[in-house]
Amino acid sequence: MSDERTLSLMREFMAPPTATGLDLVRGFSSEQLVASLNDLDLSRDVVRDVVDNWDGFRREAPWVQLLASMVEWVDRQRGHADTPIPMWSDLEESGSNGRLLYAYAFALCARATREFLRRAGVADAVVDATLGVFARHVTIHQRKYETTGVDAGWWMLLLLRGELVQVGSLEYHRVTLGVGTLSPFPWYDEEEIAARGVGFRVGDPSLGIHIPDRADLSPHSVDASLDQARRVLGAVWPAPGRRLATCQTWMLDDRLREMLSSSSNIVHFQQRFTLLPQWYEDDGDVIEFVFRRPDTALENLPQSTSLERAIVRVLRSGSHWRNRTGWLDFDGV
């Protein structure tokens, strides 16, 4: 999708900014920007790039309006986990203003998100790790393009709204089954839902498990994350009955069990979940997550690990990778 189309969709989705929102963006000084960025564990070079572009960004009225709309939208929706999250494409064709848009949004919203999570009872260490997700997405962008930007910027909106936390090696997202944008799809049919009961029904509270870039998926690390998340989220986002945690990813493609060693961390991760029988094909997500090499021909992708070789082998055969959903009992009910 072109940047112009994405920008059009963004403006259609969010309300025009108020005078207060515009004043907030225009009045956010370089010194305030530096202070906010320094709280986010970014390198000096990244902070410099973001700050050096700020004055020029604020001279461009359309960008100021878009940023003000985004900040106000985040502030209005914070704490409302069922409202839609738009999955906009990154603005790589729009120069530094497009690449840094989400960095400015994060800098302007991070303090309010931090306070929201603290008031909800999230421990400071978990809050710090959660806001640290931003630095990871900046690093991914650097690996991919060798420029400063934010990879998958739309994901930052989820975090800034206060409905995603990083606990140990995994991210956890608050979601209502069949309602939230990131609710697992496909899901069970009505007959199967009725048979399975509480926890599986549309409207039941659940949690989405997300695997960050280069996450430690060793059994010990995943056990520790789940154990800590049960304590943290059981208090912060309590549920009255059985609650599932779901994961929807190509890493749950059960063919990986045949392609990787039985000792593989991915194989062990899969075995934690009960897989739904349905799936959808999504080669692009696999290539993006594993290789981080946009616009690279299949024959030029690295083949240094068994996972990389398995991915390319399936694609060369004319087959496709499957994005599958699995669930586990989160609260141990």
Protein backbone atom coordinates (compact mmCIF):
# COMPACT_ATOMS: atom_id res chain seq x y z
CA MET A 1 0.00 0.00 0.00
CA SER A 2 1.35 3.44 -0.90
CA ASP A 3 2.14 5.95 1.82
CA GLU A 4 -0.43 8.36 0.39
CA ARG A 5 -3.14 5.74 0.75
CA THR A 6 -2.00 4.93 4.29
CA LEU A 7 -1.99 8.61 5.26
CA SER A 8 -5.47 8.98 3.84
CA LEU A 9 -6.69 6.01 5.89
CA MET A 10 -5.11 7.43 9.03
CA ARG A 11 -6.83 10.78 8.61
CA GLU A 12 -10.16 9.10 7.90
CA PHE A 13 -9.89 6.91 10.99
CA MET A 14 -8.91 9.55 13.54
CA ALA A 15 -10.84 12.70 14.37
CA PRO A 16 -9.30 16.03 13.35
CA PRO A 17 -7.12 17.42 16.12
CA THR A 18 -8.40 19.93 18.61
CA ALA A 19 -6.70 23.26 19.23
CA THR A 20 -5.41 21.81 22.49
CA GLY A 21 -3.85 18.86 20.67
CA LEU A 22 -2.19 21.10 18.11
CA ASP A 23 -0.80 23.33 20.85
CA LEU A 24 0.57 20.27 22.67
CA VAL A 25 2.55 19.17 19.62
CA ARG A 26 3.74 22.63 18.65
CA GLY A 27 4.73 23.44 22.21
CA PHE A 28 6.61 20.20 22.91
CA SER A 29 10.17 21.48 23.06
CA SER A 30 13.31 19.73 21.93
CA GLU A 31 14.35 19.59 25.59
CA GLN A 32 11.12 17.79 26.51
CA LEU A 33 11.61 15.44 23.58
CA VAL A 34 15.14 14.57 24.71
CA ALA A 35 13.95 13.97 28.28
CA SER A 36 11.18 11.64 27.12
CA LEU A 37 13.45 9.70 24.74
CA ASN A 38 16.16 9.32 27.37
CA ASP A 39 13.66 7.39 29.50
CA LEU A 40 13.22 4.82 26.71
CA ASP A 41 16.67 3.19 26.59
CA LEU A 42 17.55 4.49 23.12
CA SER A 43 21.04 5.01 21.79
CA ARG A 44 22.47 8.51 21.59
CA ASP A 45 22.48 8.30 17.79
CA VAL A 46 18.77 7.48 17.69
CA VAL A 47 17.91 10.30 20.09
CA ARG A 48 19.97 12.70 18.01
CA ASP A 49 18.24 11.68 14.76
CA VAL A 50 14.77 12.01 16.27
CA VAL A 51 15.48 15.38 17.89
CA ASP A 52 17.32 16.85 14.89
CA ASN A 53 14.22 16.30 12.73
CA TRP A 54 11.75 17.71 15.25
CA ASP A 55 11.85 21.40 14.33
CA GLY A 56 11.42 20.60 10.65
CA PHE A 57 8.56 18.23 11.43
CA ARG A 58 6.73 20.94 13.37
CA ARG A 59 6.96 23.31 10.44
CA GLU A 60 4.90 20.91 8.31
CA ALA A 61 1.23 21.54 9.16
CA PRO A 62 -0.13 18.22 7.79
CA TRP A 63 2.33 16.22 9.90
CA VAL A 64 1.59 18.28 13.02
CA GLN A 65 -2.13 17.72 12.51
CA LEU A 66 -1.67 13.98 12.02
CA LEU A 67 0.52 13.63 15.09
CA ALA A 68 -1.89 15.67 17.22
CA SER A 69 -4.79 13.49 16.05
CA MET A 70 -2.84 10.34 16.91
CA VAL A 71 -1.88 11.54 20.39
CA GLU A 72 -5.45 12.58 21.18
CA TRP A 73 -6.82 9.29 19.84
CA VAL A 74 -4.40 7.31 22.04
CA ASP A 75 -5.35 9.35 25.10
CA ARG A 76 -9.08 8.90 24.46
CA GLN A 77 -8.81 5.14 23.90
CA ARG A 78 -6.39 4.30 26.70
CA GLY A 79 -7.99 1.60 28.80
CA HIS A 80 -10.63 0.68 26.20
CA ALA A 81 -9.22 -2.61 24.94
CA ASP A 82 -12.16 -3.53 22.71
CA THR A 83 -11.99 -0.50 20.45
CA PRO A 84 -10.35 -1.15 17.06
CA ILE A 85 -6.60 -0.97 16.53
CA PRO A 86 -5.75 0.03 12.94
CA MET A 87 -2.97 -2.01 11.34
CA TRP A 88 -1.47 0.72 9.19
CA SER A 89 1.52 0.17 6.96
CA ASP A 90 4.72 1.93 7.94
CA LEU A 91 5.45 5.20 6.13
CA GLU A 92 8.79 4.29 4.57
CA GLU A 93 8.25 6.36 1.42
CA SER A 94 7.53 9.59 3.28
CA GLY A 95 11.03 10.48 4.37
CA SER A 96 12.13 11.21 7.91
CA ASN A 97 8.78 12.68 8.97
CA GLY A 98 7.00 9.43 8.13
CA ARG A 99 9.71 7.22 9.63
CA LEU A 100 9.72 9.20 12.88
CA LEU A 101 5.98 9.83 13.28
CA TYR A 102 5.55 7.01 15.79
CA ALA A 103 8.68 8.04 17.67
CA TYR A 104 7.12 11.44 18.27
CA ALA A 105 3.80 9.87 19.25
CA PHE A 106 5.59 7.60 21.71
CA ALA A 107 7.56 10.46 23.22
CA LEU A 108 4.40 12.50 23.70
CA CYS A 109 2.33 9.64 25.16
CA ALA A 110 4.80 7.51 27.11
CA ARG A 111 4.48 9.34 30.43
CA ALA A 112 0.68 9.04 30.47
CA THR A 113 0.94 5.34 29.59
CA ARG A 114 3.46 4.76 32.35
CA GLU A 115 1.16 6.38 34.90
CA PHE A 116 -1.87 4.47 33.60
CA LEU A 117 -0.09 1.13 34.04
CA ARG A 118 1.19 2.08 37.48
CA ARG A 119 -2.30 3.06 38.64
CA ALA A 120 -3.54 -0.31 37.35
CA GLY A 121 -1.08 -2.01 39.68
CA VAL A 122 1.64 -3.00 37.21
CA ALA A 123 5.03 -3.17 38.92
CA ASP A 124 7.65 -0.65 37.83
CA ALA A 125 9.94 -3.36 36.42
CA VAL A 126 7.14 -4.63 34.16
CA VAL A 127 6.24 -1.07 33.15
CA ASP A 128 9.86 -0.41 32.21
CA ALA A 129 10.05 -3.63 30.19
CA THR A 130 6.80 -2.76 28.44
CA LEU A 131 7.94 0.70 27.41
CA GLY A 132 11.20 -0.95 26.32
CA VAL A 133 9.28 -2.61 23.49
CA PHE A 134 9.61 0.70 21.65
CA ALA A 135 13.42 0.51 21.59
CA ARG A 136 13.23 -3.01 20.19
CA HIS A 137 11.07 -1.84 17.28
CA VAL A 138 13.54 0.97 16.60
CA THR A 139 16.35 -1.60 16.50
CA ILE A 140 14.40 -3.79 14.07
CA HIS A 141 13.94 -0.82 11.76
CA GLN A 142 17.66 -0.11 11.89
CA ARG A 143 18.44 -3.72 10.97
CA LYS A 144 16.06 -3.63 8.04
CA TYR A 145 16.74 -0.21 6.56
CA GLU A 146 19.86 1.18 8.29
CA THR A 147 17.91 4.31 9.19
CA THR A 148 16.16 5.56 12.32
CA GLY A 149 12.48 4.70 12.44
CA VAL A 150 9.93 2.48 14.14
CA ASP A 151 9.11 -0.93 12.71
CA ALA A 152 5.40 -1.89 12.80
CA GLY A 153 4.53 1.50 14.23
CA TRP A 154 0.87 0.59 14.66
CA TRP A 155 1.90 -1.90 17.36
CA MET A 156 3.09 1.05 19.45
CA LEU A 157 -0.50 2.34 19.59
CA LEU A 158 -1.58 -0.89 21.27
CA LEU A 159 1.12 -0.43 23.88
CA LEU A 160 0.41 3.27 24.41
CA ARG A 161 -3.27 2.51 25.01
CA GLY A 162 -2.20 0.41 27.99
CA GLU A 163 -3.45 -2.98 26.82
CA LEU A 164 -0.14 -4.71 26.14
CA VAL A 165 2.58 -5.55 28.62
CA GLN A 166 5.91 -7.30 28.37
CA VAL A 167 6.42 -9.88 31.10
CA GLY A 168 9.69 -11.74 30.87
CA SER A 169 10.34 -12.97 27.35
CA LEU A 170 6.76 -12.62 26.03
CA GLU A 171 4.21 -9.89 25.39
CA TYR A 172 0.63 -10.21 26.64
CA HIS A 173 -2.34 -8.40 25.13
CA ARG A 174 -5.73 -7.95 26.77
CA VAL A 175 -8.45 -9.07 24.38
CA THR A 176 -12.11 -10.06 24.43
CA LEU A 177 -12.77 -13.13 22.29
CA GLY A 178 -14.52 -12.29 19.06
CA VAL A 179 -14.47 -8.55 19.83
CA GLY A 180 -10.98 -7.06 19.84
CA THR A 181 -9.03 -6.42 16.66
CA LEU A 182 -6.44 -9.01 17.65
CA SER A 183 -8.93 -11.63 18.76
CA PRO A 184 -7.80 -15.00 17.34
CA PHE A 185 -9.13 -15.83 13.90
CA PRO A 186 -10.26 -18.29 12.78
CA TRP A 187 -11.91 -19.50 16.00
CA TYR A 188 -14.17 -22.45 16.84
CA ASP A 189 -17.67 -22.64 15.33
CA GLU A 190 -20.77 -22.14 17.47
CA GLU A 191 -21.34 -25.83 18.10
CA GLU A 192 -17.77 -26.37 19.29
CA ILE A 193 -17.87 -23.22 21.44
CA ALA A 194 -21.06 -24.42 23.14
CA ALA A 195 -19.46 -27.78 23.86
CA ARG A 196 -16.30 -26.24 25.33
CA GLY A 197 -18.10 -23.58 27.38
CA VAL A 198 -16.62 -20.84 29.53
CA GLY A 199 -13.44 -19.30 28.19
CA PHE A 200 -14.21 -20.08 24.55
CA ARG A 201 -17.31 -17.94 24.04
CA VAL A 202 -17.54 -14.68 22.16
CA GLY A 203 -17.26 -11.98 24.80
CA ASP A 204 -15.14 -14.02 27.21
CA PRO A 205 -12.00 -12.30 28.53
CA SER A 206 -8.73 -13.71 27.25
CA LEU A 207 -5.11 -12.84 26.69
CA GLY A 208 -3.10 -12.83 23.50
CA ILE A 209 0.48 -14.07 23.73
CA HIS A 210 2.91 -12.43 21.33
CA ILE A 211 6.47 -13.48 20.56
CA PRO A 212 8.85 -10.51 20.36
CA ASP A 213 11.74 -10.30 17.97
CA ARG A 214 14.59 -12.58 19.07
CA ALA A 215 12.65 -13.69 22.15
CA ASP A 216 14.13 -16.35 24.40
CA LEU A 217 11.76 -19.28 23.87
CA SER A 218 13.67 -21.75 25.97
CA PRO A 219 11.31 -23.79 28.18
CA HIS A 220 12.72 -22.21 31.34
CA SER A 221 12.24 -18.67 30.01
CA VAL A 222 8.69 -19.31 28.79
CA ASP A 223 7.76 -21.00 32.08
CA ALA A 224 9.10 -18.01 33.99
CA SER A 225 7.19 -15.57 31.78
CA LEU A 226 3.90 -17.44 32.16
CA ASP A 227 4.32 -17.82 35.91
CA GLN A 228 5.07 -14.13 36.37
CA ALA A 229 2.30 -13.10 33.98
CA ARG A 230 -0.24 -15.14 35.96
CA ARG A 231 0.69 -13.17 39.07
CA VAL A 232 0.89 -9.78 37.38
CA LEU A 233 -2.12 -10.01 35.07
CA GLY A 234 -4.24 -12.00 37.49
CA ALA A 235 -4.20 -8.87 39.64
CA VAL A 236 -4.21 -6.20 36.94
CA TRP A 237 -6.71 -7.82 34.55
CA PRO A 238 -8.64 -10.28 36.73
CA ALA A 239 -11.17 -12.66 35.16
CA PRO A 240 -14.20 -14.21 36.90
CA GLY A 241 -13.81 -17.68 35.40
CA ARG A 242 -11.75 -19.78 33.06
CA ARG A 243 -9.54 -17.62 30.85
CA LEU A 244 -7.58 -18.73 27.84
CA ALA A 245 -4.33 -17.37 26.51
CA THR A 246 -4.15 -17.65 22.75
CA CYS A 247 -1.28 -17.34 20.33
CA GLN A 248 -1.66 -16.88 16.60
CA THR A 249 1.55 -17.27 14.65
CA TRP A 250 3.39 -19.17 11.94
CA MET A 251 5.46 -20.65 14.77
CA LEU A 252 2.48 -22.89 15.51
CA ASP A 253 2.57 -24.42 12.04
CA ASP A 254 2.77 -28.05 13.14
CA ARG A 255 4.91 -29.01 10.13
CA LEU A 256 7.83 -27.42 11.98
CA ARG A 257 7.84 -30.46 14.25
CA GLU A 258 8.97 -32.51 11.28
CA MET A 259 11.58 -30.00 10.13
CA LEU A 260 13.25 -29.03 13.39
CA SER A 261 14.95 -31.03 16.11
CA SER A 262 12.75 -32.40 18.88
CA SER A 263 14.85 -30.24 21.23
CA SER A 264 13.96 -27.06 19.32
CA ASN A 265 12.59 -24.24 21.46
CA ILE A 266 9.92 -23.61 18.84
CA VAL A 267 8.79 -27.24 19.02
CA HIS A 268 8.62 -27.07 22.82
CA PHE A 269 6.67 -23.80 22.57
CA GLN A 270 4.16 -25.41 20.19
CA GLN A 271 3.55 -28.29 22.56
CA ARG A 272 2.14 -25.94 25.18
CA PHE A 273 -0.88 -25.17 23.00
CA THR A 274 -3.96 -26.95 21.74
CA LEU A 275 -4.10 -26.05 18.04
CA LEU A 276 -7.25 -25.10 16.21
CA PRO A 277 -7.78 -27.18 13.06
CA GLN A 278 -8.12 -24.11 10.82
CA TRP A 279 -5.39 -21.80 9.58
CA TYR A 280 -4.62 -19.22 6.93
CA GLU A 281 -1.59 -18.92 4.69
CA ASP A 282 0.85 -16.10 5.38
CA ASP A 283 4.30 -16.40 3.84
CA GLY A 284 5.04 -12.71 4.24
CA ASP A 285 4.81 -12.76 8.03
CA VAL A 286 7.28 -15.65 8.25
CA ILE A 287 9.82 -14.03 5.95
CA GLU A 288 9.51 -10.69 7.72
CA PHE A 289 9.93 -12.08 11.24
CA VAL A 290 12.82 -14.44 10.52
CA PHE A 291 14.89 -12.57 7.96
CA ARG A 292 14.10 -8.85 8.32
CA ARG A 293 15.27 -8.33 4.74
CA PRO A 294 12.58 -6.49 2.77
CA ASP A 295 12.52 -6.98 -0.99
CA THR A 296 15.12 -9.76 -0.92
CA ALA A 297 14.69 -12.54 -3.46
CA LEU A 298 14.09 -16.01 -2.08
CA GLU A 299 17.39 -17.34 -3.44
CA ASN A 300 19.30 -14.58 -1.62
CA LEU A 301 17.90 -15.22 1.83
CA PRO A 302 20.41 -16.64 4.34
CA GLN A 303 20.41 -20.38 5.01
CA SER A 304 22.56 -20.55 8.12
CA THR A 305 20.06 -22.17 10.52
CA SER A 306 17.71 -25.14 10.33
CA LEU A 307 14.75 -22.75 10.65
CA GLU A 308 15.92 -20.57 7.78
CA ARG A 309 16.46 -23.62 5.60
CA ALA A 310 13.03 -25.02 6.48
CA ILE A 311 11.29 -21.77 5.60
CA VAL A 312 12.94 -21.46 2.21
CA ARG A 313 12.49 -25.16 1.44
CA VAL A 314 8.72 -24.95 1.93
CA LEU A 315 8.43 -21.85 -0.24
CA ARG A 316 10.61 -23.32 -3.00
CA SER A 317 8.36 -26.39 -3.06
CA GLY A 318 5.40 -24.18 -3.95
CA SER A 319 3.77 -24.69 -0.58
CA HIS A 320 2.92 -21.94 1.92
CA TRP A 321 3.41 -21.26 5.61
CA ARG A 322 0.37 -21.49 7.84
CA ASN A 323 -0.57 -18.95 10.47
CA ARG A 324 -2.22 -21.05 13.18
CA THR A 325 -3.98 -20.37 16.47
CA GLY A 326 -3.42 -22.29 19.68
CA TRP A 327 -4.75 -21.89 23.21
CA LEU A 328 -3.79 -22.83 26.73
CA ASP A 329 -5.44 -22.38 30.13
CA PHE A 330 -3.89 -19.19 31.43
CA ASP A 331 -5.13 -19.01 35.02
CA GLY A 332 -4.77 -22.72 35.66
CA VAL A 333 -8.51 -23.22 36.17
